[in-house]
Amino acid sequence: MTDLYRVAPDDFKILNRAQGGDGRTVVGRAVPYNVDQVITRNLTERFEFGAFANQLRAGHRIPFTRDHMALGGSVIGRTIRLEDREDGLYGEWRVSRTVLGDETLALLEDGALDQLSIGFRDLAPNPPRNGVTVRSRAHLIEVSVVLNGAYGENAAVESVRAVAPETPNLAAARNVLGSLPELPSW
């Protein structure tokens, strides 16, 4: 199964003590619901309300990262809470006291980084309807702070951020084939 990545454009903030946080809690919308978003020339998708409903009580299992792990990112914290609202999946994330966590908070506060992205697996793939791929059930892999992405400012992106499905033993098979002697041509 392929892991996919999407970005929500807005609606996040860092909570200070007066807001019930400690300056290390990021709050925001991870993905909008019922928005047709052009991802590539060949893919327009929409997440339906409740697509992540099975994970709302187990949000603490979902890492908070700076960029996507499969694309070279690192864990900077953890999910504290997830909540379905009519317009999207919202959450709260705790940023750990690490060099990268502190740097990410500074970039968020300065507005240099301002987007949240999700890594997910589509659990109910369906063929596109009227040119739109509808995501009705998905498994959230991670929520990431990123520079740019699919839902960032509702702009189209050049490619889908996807990790190619792993093929067991592919590297080993290539090594074996590469080490075989060349047969003479007759």
C-alpha atoms as a PDB file:
ATOM      1  CA  MET A   1       0.000   0.000   0.000  1.00  0.00           C
ATOM      2  CA  THR A   2       1.354   3.424  -0.910  1.00  0.00           C
ATOM      3  CA  ASP A   3       1.765   6.199   1.666  1.00  0.00           C
ATOM      4  CA  LEU A   4       0.533   9.574   0.428  1.00  0.00           C
ATOM      5  CA  TYR A   5       1.162  13.112   1.664  1.00  0.00           C
ATOM      6  CA  ARG A   6      -1.060  16.197   1.620  1.00  0.00           C
ATOM      7  CA  VAL A   7      -0.862  19.686   3.102  1.00  0.00           C
ATOM      8  CA  ALA A   8      -3.515  21.890   4.713  1.00  0.00           C
ATOM      9  CA  PRO A   9      -2.963  25.605   4.154  1.00  0.00           C
ATOM     10  CA  ASP A  10      -3.933  27.424   7.286  1.00  0.00           C
ATOM     11  CA  ASP A  11      -5.629  27.540  10.652  1.00  0.00           C
ATOM     12  CA  PHE A  12      -2.849  26.736  13.042  1.00  0.00           C
ATOM     13  CA  LYS A  13      -1.252  28.560  15.934  1.00  0.00           C
ATOM     14  CA  ILE A  14       1.139  28.037  18.818  1.00  0.00           C
ATOM     15  CA  LEU A  15      -0.577  28.209  22.216  1.00  0.00           C
ATOM     16  CA  ASN A  16       1.041  30.334  24.909  1.00  0.00           C
ATOM     17  CA  ARG A  17       0.294  29.995  28.642  1.00  0.00           C
ATOM     18  CA  ALA A  18      -2.674  32.400  28.470  1.00  0.00           C
ATOM     19  CA  GLN A  19      -4.216  30.157  25.786  1.00  0.00           C
ATOM     20  CA  GLY A  20      -3.752  26.946  27.776  1.00  0.00           C
ATOM     21  CA  GLY A  21      -0.404  26.002  26.246  1.00  0.00           C
ATOM     22  CA  ASP A  22       3.243  26.452  27.061  1.00  0.00           C
ATOM     23  CA  GLY A  23       4.514  27.863  23.781  1.00  0.00           C
ATOM     24  CA  ARG A  24       5.269  24.339  22.528  1.00  0.00           C
ATOM     25  CA  THR A  25       1.758  23.244  21.514  1.00  0.00           C
ATOM     26  CA  VAL A  26       0.808  23.647  17.860  1.00  0.00           C
ATOM     27  CA  VAL A  27      -2.918  23.684  17.066  1.00  0.00           C
ATOM     28  CA  GLY A  28      -4.388  23.548  13.615  1.00  0.00           C
ATOM     29  CA  ARG A  29      -6.257  21.905  10.803  1.00  0.00           C
ATOM     30  CA  ALA A  30      -4.320  18.976   9.390  1.00  0.00           C
ATOM     31  CA  VAL A  31      -6.557  18.433   6.354  1.00  0.00           C
ATOM     32  CA  PRO A  32      -9.718  20.114   5.052  1.00  0.00           C
ATOM     33  CA  TYR A  33     -12.877  18.095   4.398  1.00  0.00           C
ATOM     34  CA  ASN A  34     -15.086  18.331   1.311  1.00  0.00           C
ATOM     35  CA  VAL A  35     -12.619  20.443  -0.667  1.00  0.00           C
ATOM     36  CA  ASP A  36     -11.769  19.347  -4.207  1.00  0.00           C
ATOM     37  CA  GLN A  37      -8.041  19.916  -4.486  1.00  0.00           C
ATOM     38  CA  VAL A  38      -5.966  19.577  -7.649  1.00  0.00           C
ATOM     39  CA  ILE A  39      -2.891  17.570  -6.669  1.00  0.00           C
ATOM     40  CA  THR A  40      -1.460  16.871 -10.132  1.00  0.00           C
ATOM     41  CA  ARG A  41      -2.685  17.120 -13.680  1.00  0.00           C
ATOM     42  CA  ASN A  42      -4.124  13.612 -13.234  1.00  0.00           C
ATOM     43  CA  LEU A  43      -5.347  13.751  -9.643  1.00  0.00           C
ATOM     44  CA  THR A  44      -7.976  15.838  -7.909  1.00  0.00           C
ATOM     45  CA  GLU A  45      -8.946  14.547  -4.487  1.00  0.00           C
ATOM     46  CA  ARG A  46     -11.366  15.228  -1.653  1.00  0.00           C
ATOM     47  CA  PHE A  47     -11.311  14.004   1.942  1.00  0.00           C
ATOM     48  CA  GLU A  48     -14.749  13.298   3.381  1.00  0.00           C
ATOM     49  CA  PHE A  49     -15.796  14.170   6.919  1.00  0.00           C
ATOM     50  CA  GLY A  50     -14.819  11.337   9.241  1.00  0.00           C
ATOM     51  CA  ALA A  51     -12.130   9.855   6.994  1.00  0.00           C
ATOM     52  CA  PHE A  52      -9.871   9.504  10.055  1.00  0.00           C
ATOM     53  CA  ALA A  53     -12.618   8.710  12.603  1.00  0.00           C
ATOM     54  CA  ASN A  54     -11.022   5.406  13.647  1.00  0.00           C
ATOM     55  CA  GLN A  55      -7.938   7.230  14.942  1.00  0.00           C
ATOM     56  CA  LEU A  56      -9.496  10.079  16.906  1.00  0.00           C
ATOM     57  CA  ARG A  57      -9.045   8.308  20.264  1.00  0.00           C
ATOM     58  CA  ALA A  58      -5.542   7.078  19.445  1.00  0.00           C
ATOM     59  CA  GLY A  59      -3.996  10.315  18.228  1.00  0.00           C
ATOM     60  CA  HIS A  60      -1.118   9.935  20.688  1.00  0.00           C
ATOM     61  CA  ARG A  61       0.234   7.197  18.418  1.00  0.00           C
ATOM     62  CA  ILE A  62       0.724   9.592  15.500  1.00  0.00           C
ATOM     63  CA  PRO A  63       4.107  11.342  15.332  1.00  0.00           C
ATOM     64  CA  PHE A  64       4.479  15.063  14.726  1.00  0.00           C
ATOM     65  CA  THR A  65       7.353  15.615  12.321  1.00  0.00           C
ATOM     66  CA  ARG A  66       9.334  18.292  10.540  1.00  0.00           C
ATOM     67  CA  ASP A  67       8.901  17.255   6.929  1.00  0.00           C
ATOM     68  CA  HIS A  68       7.751  13.720   6.145  1.00  0.00           C
ATOM     69  CA  MET A  69       9.760  10.850   7.632  1.00  0.00           C
ATOM     70  CA  ALA A  70       9.876   8.900   4.369  1.00  0.00           C
ATOM     71  CA  LEU A  71      11.195  12.005   2.628  1.00  0.00           C
ATOM     72  CA  GLY A  72      14.030  12.649   5.108  1.00  0.00           C
ATOM     73  CA  GLY A  73      12.075  14.327   7.904  1.00  0.00           C
ATOM     74  CA  SER A  74      12.489  13.899  11.658  1.00  0.00           C
ATOM     75  CA  VAL A  75      10.187  13.486  14.626  1.00  0.00           C
ATOM     76  CA  ILE A  76       9.785  16.764  16.546  1.00  0.00           C
ATOM     77  CA  GLY A  77       6.983  15.759  18.891  1.00  0.00           C
ATOM     78  CA  ARG A  78       3.714  13.934  19.267  1.00  0.00           C
ATOM     79  CA  THR A  79       0.011  14.318  18.678  1.00  0.00           C
ATOM     80  CA  ILE A  80      -1.900  15.293  21.796  1.00  0.00           C
ATOM     81  CA  ARG A  81      -5.438  15.376  20.391  1.00  0.00           C
ATOM     82  CA  LEU A  82      -7.361  14.939  17.144  1.00  0.00           C
ATOM     83  CA  GLU A  83     -10.860  16.252  16.471  1.00  0.00           C
ATOM     84  CA  ASP A  84     -13.238  15.977  13.530  1.00  0.00           C
ATOM     85  CA  ARG A  85     -14.956  19.238  12.675  1.00  0.00           C
ATOM     86  CA  GLU A  86     -17.244  19.866   9.767  1.00  0.00           C
ATOM     87  CA  ASP A  87     -14.492  21.606   7.795  1.00  0.00           C
ATOM     88  CA  GLY A  88     -11.578  19.275   8.565  1.00  0.00           C
ATOM     89  CA  LEU A  89      -9.422  17.199  10.873  1.00  0.00           C
ATOM     90  CA  TYR A  90      -7.991  19.399  13.627  1.00  0.00           C
ATOM     91  CA  GLY A  91      -5.375  18.570  16.204  1.00  0.00           C
ATOM     92  CA  GLU A  92      -2.949  19.640  18.867  1.00  0.00           C
ATOM     93  CA  TRP A  93       0.708  18.650  18.726  1.00  0.00           C
ATOM     94  CA  ARG A  94       3.405  18.947  21.369  1.00  0.00           C
ATOM     95  CA  VAL A  95       6.849  19.975  20.094  1.00  0.00           C
ATOM     96  CA  SER A  96       9.704  18.380  22.055  1.00  0.00           C
ATOM     97  CA  ARG A  97      12.636  20.346  23.477  1.00  0.00           C
ATOM     98  CA  THR A  98      15.192  19.375  20.856  1.00  0.00           C
ATOM     99  CA  VAL A  99      17.363  21.438  18.542  1.00  0.00           C
ATOM    100  CA  LEU A 100      15.061  20.687  15.590  1.00  0.00           C
ATOM    101  CA  GLY A 101      11.931  21.211  17.705  1.00  0.00           C
ATOM    102  CA  ASP A 102      13.169  24.613  18.891  1.00  0.00           C
ATOM    103  CA  GLU A 103      14.167  25.580  15.341  1.00  0.00           C
ATOM    104  CA  THR A 104      10.772  24.531  13.985  1.00  0.00           C
ATOM    105  CA  LEU A 105       8.943  26.571  16.637  1.00  0.00           C
ATOM    106  CA  ALA A 106      11.056  29.622  15.761  1.00  0.00           C
ATOM    107  CA  LEU A 107      10.276  29.203  12.051  1.00  0.00           C
ATOM    108  CA  LEU A 108       6.561  28.794  12.834  1.00  0.00           C
ATOM    109  CA  GLU A 109       6.555  31.893  15.028  1.00  0.00           C
ATOM    110  CA  ASP A 110       8.335  33.908  12.317  1.00  0.00           C
ATOM    111  CA  GLY A 111       5.915  32.657   9.647  1.00  0.00           C
ATOM    112  CA  ALA A 112       8.706  31.074   7.602  1.00  0.00           C
ATOM    113  CA  LEU A 113       6.897  27.739   7.970  1.00  0.00           C
ATOM    114  CA  ASP A 114       3.126  27.887   7.987  1.00  0.00           C
ATOM    115  CA  GLN A 115       1.681  24.650   6.687  1.00  0.00           C
ATOM    116  CA  LEU A 116       0.727  21.287   8.126  1.00  0.00           C
ATOM    117  CA  SER A 117       0.874  18.149   6.020  1.00  0.00           C
ATOM    118  CA  ILE A 118      -0.444  14.646   6.522  1.00  0.00           C
ATOM    119  CA  GLY A 119       0.987  11.286   5.572  1.00  0.00           C
ATOM    120  CA  PHE A 120      -1.798   8.743   5.082  1.00  0.00           C
ATOM    121  CA  ARG A 121      -2.890   5.447   3.578  1.00  0.00           C
ATOM    122  CA  ASP A 122      -6.183   5.277   1.702  1.00  0.00           C
ATOM    123  CA  LEU A 123      -8.148   2.418   3.320  1.00  0.00           C
ATOM    124  CA  ALA A 124     -11.074   2.498   0.900  1.00  0.00           C
ATOM    125  CA  PRO A 125      -9.689   3.278  -2.550  1.00  0.00           C
ATOM    126  CA  ASN A 126     -12.360   3.957  -5.141  1.00  0.00           C
ATOM    127  CA  PRO A 127     -12.136   4.932  -8.782  1.00  0.00           C
ATOM    128  CA  PRO A 128     -12.508   8.680  -9.343  1.00  0.00           C
ATOM    129  CA  ARG A 129     -16.084  10.021  -9.504  1.00  0.00           C
ATOM    130  CA  ASN A 130     -16.522  12.912 -11.914  1.00  0.00           C
ATOM    131  CA  GLY A 131     -12.735  13.239 -12.013  1.00  0.00           C
ATOM    132  CA  VAL A 132     -12.345  13.435  -8.212  1.00  0.00           C
ATOM    133  CA  THR A 133     -10.727  10.770  -6.030  1.00  0.00           C
ATOM    134  CA  VAL A 134     -12.734  10.693  -2.813  1.00  0.00           C
ATOM    135  CA  ARG A 135     -10.926   9.639   0.362  1.00  0.00           C
ATOM    136  CA  SER A 136     -13.648   8.281   2.664  1.00  0.00           C
ATOM    137  CA  ARG A 137     -11.502   6.166   5.016  1.00  0.00           C
ATOM    138  CA  ALA A 138      -7.814   6.748   5.596  1.00  0.00           C
ATOM    139  CA  HIS A 139      -5.133   5.858   8.129  1.00  0.00           C
ATOM    140  CA  LEU A 140      -3.110   8.816   9.399  1.00  0.00           C
ATOM    141  CA  ILE A 141       0.623   7.989   9.462  1.00  0.00           C
ATOM    142  CA  GLU A 142       1.999  11.356  10.562  1.00  0.00           C
ATOM    143  CA  VAL A 143       1.322  15.072  10.726  1.00  0.00           C
ATOM    144  CA  SER A 144       4.205  17.232   9.545  1.00  0.00           C
ATOM    145  CA  VAL A 145       5.250  20.857   9.500  1.00  0.00           C
ATOM    146  CA  VAL A 146       6.344  21.606   5.922  1.00  0.00           C
ATOM    147  CA  LEU A 147       7.292  24.497   3.678  1.00  0.00           C
ATOM    148  CA  ASN A 148       5.021  23.706   0.710  1.00  0.00           C
ATOM    149  CA  GLY A 149       2.545  21.042  -0.222  1.00  0.00           C
ATOM    150  CA  ALA A 150      -0.603  19.893  -1.941  1.00  0.00           C
ATOM    151  CA  TYR A 151      -3.100  21.926   0.057  1.00  0.00           C
ATOM    152  CA  GLY A 152      -0.792  24.871   0.747  1.00  0.00           C
ATOM    153  CA  GLU A 153      -2.734  28.006  -0.132  1.00  0.00           C
ATOM    154  CA  ASN A 154      -4.998  25.813  -2.276  1.00  0.00           C
ATOM    155  CA  ALA A 155      -2.402  25.804  -5.049  1.00  0.00           C
ATOM    156  CA  ALA A 156      -1.824  22.898  -7.396  1.00  0.00           C
ATOM    157  CA  VAL A 157       1.437  21.030  -6.947  1.00  0.00           C
ATOM    158  CA  GLU A 158       3.742  19.433  -9.443  1.00  0.00           C
ATOM    159  CA  SER A 159       3.602  15.921  -8.032  1.00  0.00           C
ATOM    160  CA  VAL A 160       1.954  13.742  -5.436  1.00  0.00           C
ATOM    161  CA  ARG A 161       4.242  13.166  -2.516  1.00  0.00           C
ATOM    162  CA  ALA A 162       4.087   9.413  -2.388  1.00  0.00           C
ATOM    163  CA  VAL A 163       6.434   6.740  -1.252  1.00  0.00           C
ATOM    164  CA  ALA A 164       6.722   3.934  -3.753  1.00  0.00           C
ATOM    165  CA  PRO A 165       5.481   0.658  -2.307  1.00  0.00           C
ATOM    166  CA  GLU A 166       8.333  -1.413  -0.977  1.00  0.00           C
ATOM    167  CA  THR A 167       9.266  -4.486  -2.987  1.00  0.00           C
ATOM    168  CA  PRO A 168      10.884  -7.039  -0.689  1.00  0.00           C
ATOM    169  CA  ASN A 169      14.330  -8.201  -1.790  1.00  0.00           C
ATOM    170  CA  LEU A 170      14.422  -5.913  -4.858  1.00  0.00           C
ATOM    171  CA  ALA A 171      17.917  -4.603  -4.041  1.00  0.00           C
ATOM    172  CA  ALA A 172      19.189  -8.135  -3.416  1.00  0.00           C
ATOM    173  CA  ALA A 173      17.731  -9.336  -6.721  1.00  0.00           C
ATOM    174  CA  ARG A 174      19.407  -6.462  -8.581  1.00  0.00           C
ATOM    175  CA  ASN A 175      22.748  -7.339  -6.962  1.00  0.00           C
ATOM    176  CA  VAL A 176      22.426 -10.990  -7.984  1.00  0.00           C
ATOM    177  CA  LEU A 177      21.515 -10.092 -11.564  1.00  0.00           C
ATOM    178  CA  GLY A 178      24.356  -7.574 -11.736  1.00  0.00           C
ATOM    179  CA  SER A 179      26.888 -10.151 -10.603  1.00  0.00           C
ATOM    180  CA  LEU A 180      25.978 -12.763 -13.218  1.00  0.00           C
ATOM    181  CA  PRO A 181      28.545 -13.217 -15.992  1.00  0.00           C
ATOM    182  CA  GLU A 182      27.656 -11.985 -19.432  1.00  0.00           C
ATOM    183  CA  LEU A 183      27.036 -14.802 -21.864  1.00  0.00           C
ATOM    184  CA  PRO A 184      28.849 -14.604 -25.171  1.00  0.00           C
ATOM    185  CA  SER A 185      26.707 -13.869 -28.179  1.00  0.00           C
ATOM    186  CA  TRP A 186      26.860 -16.556 -30.882  1.00  0.00           C
END
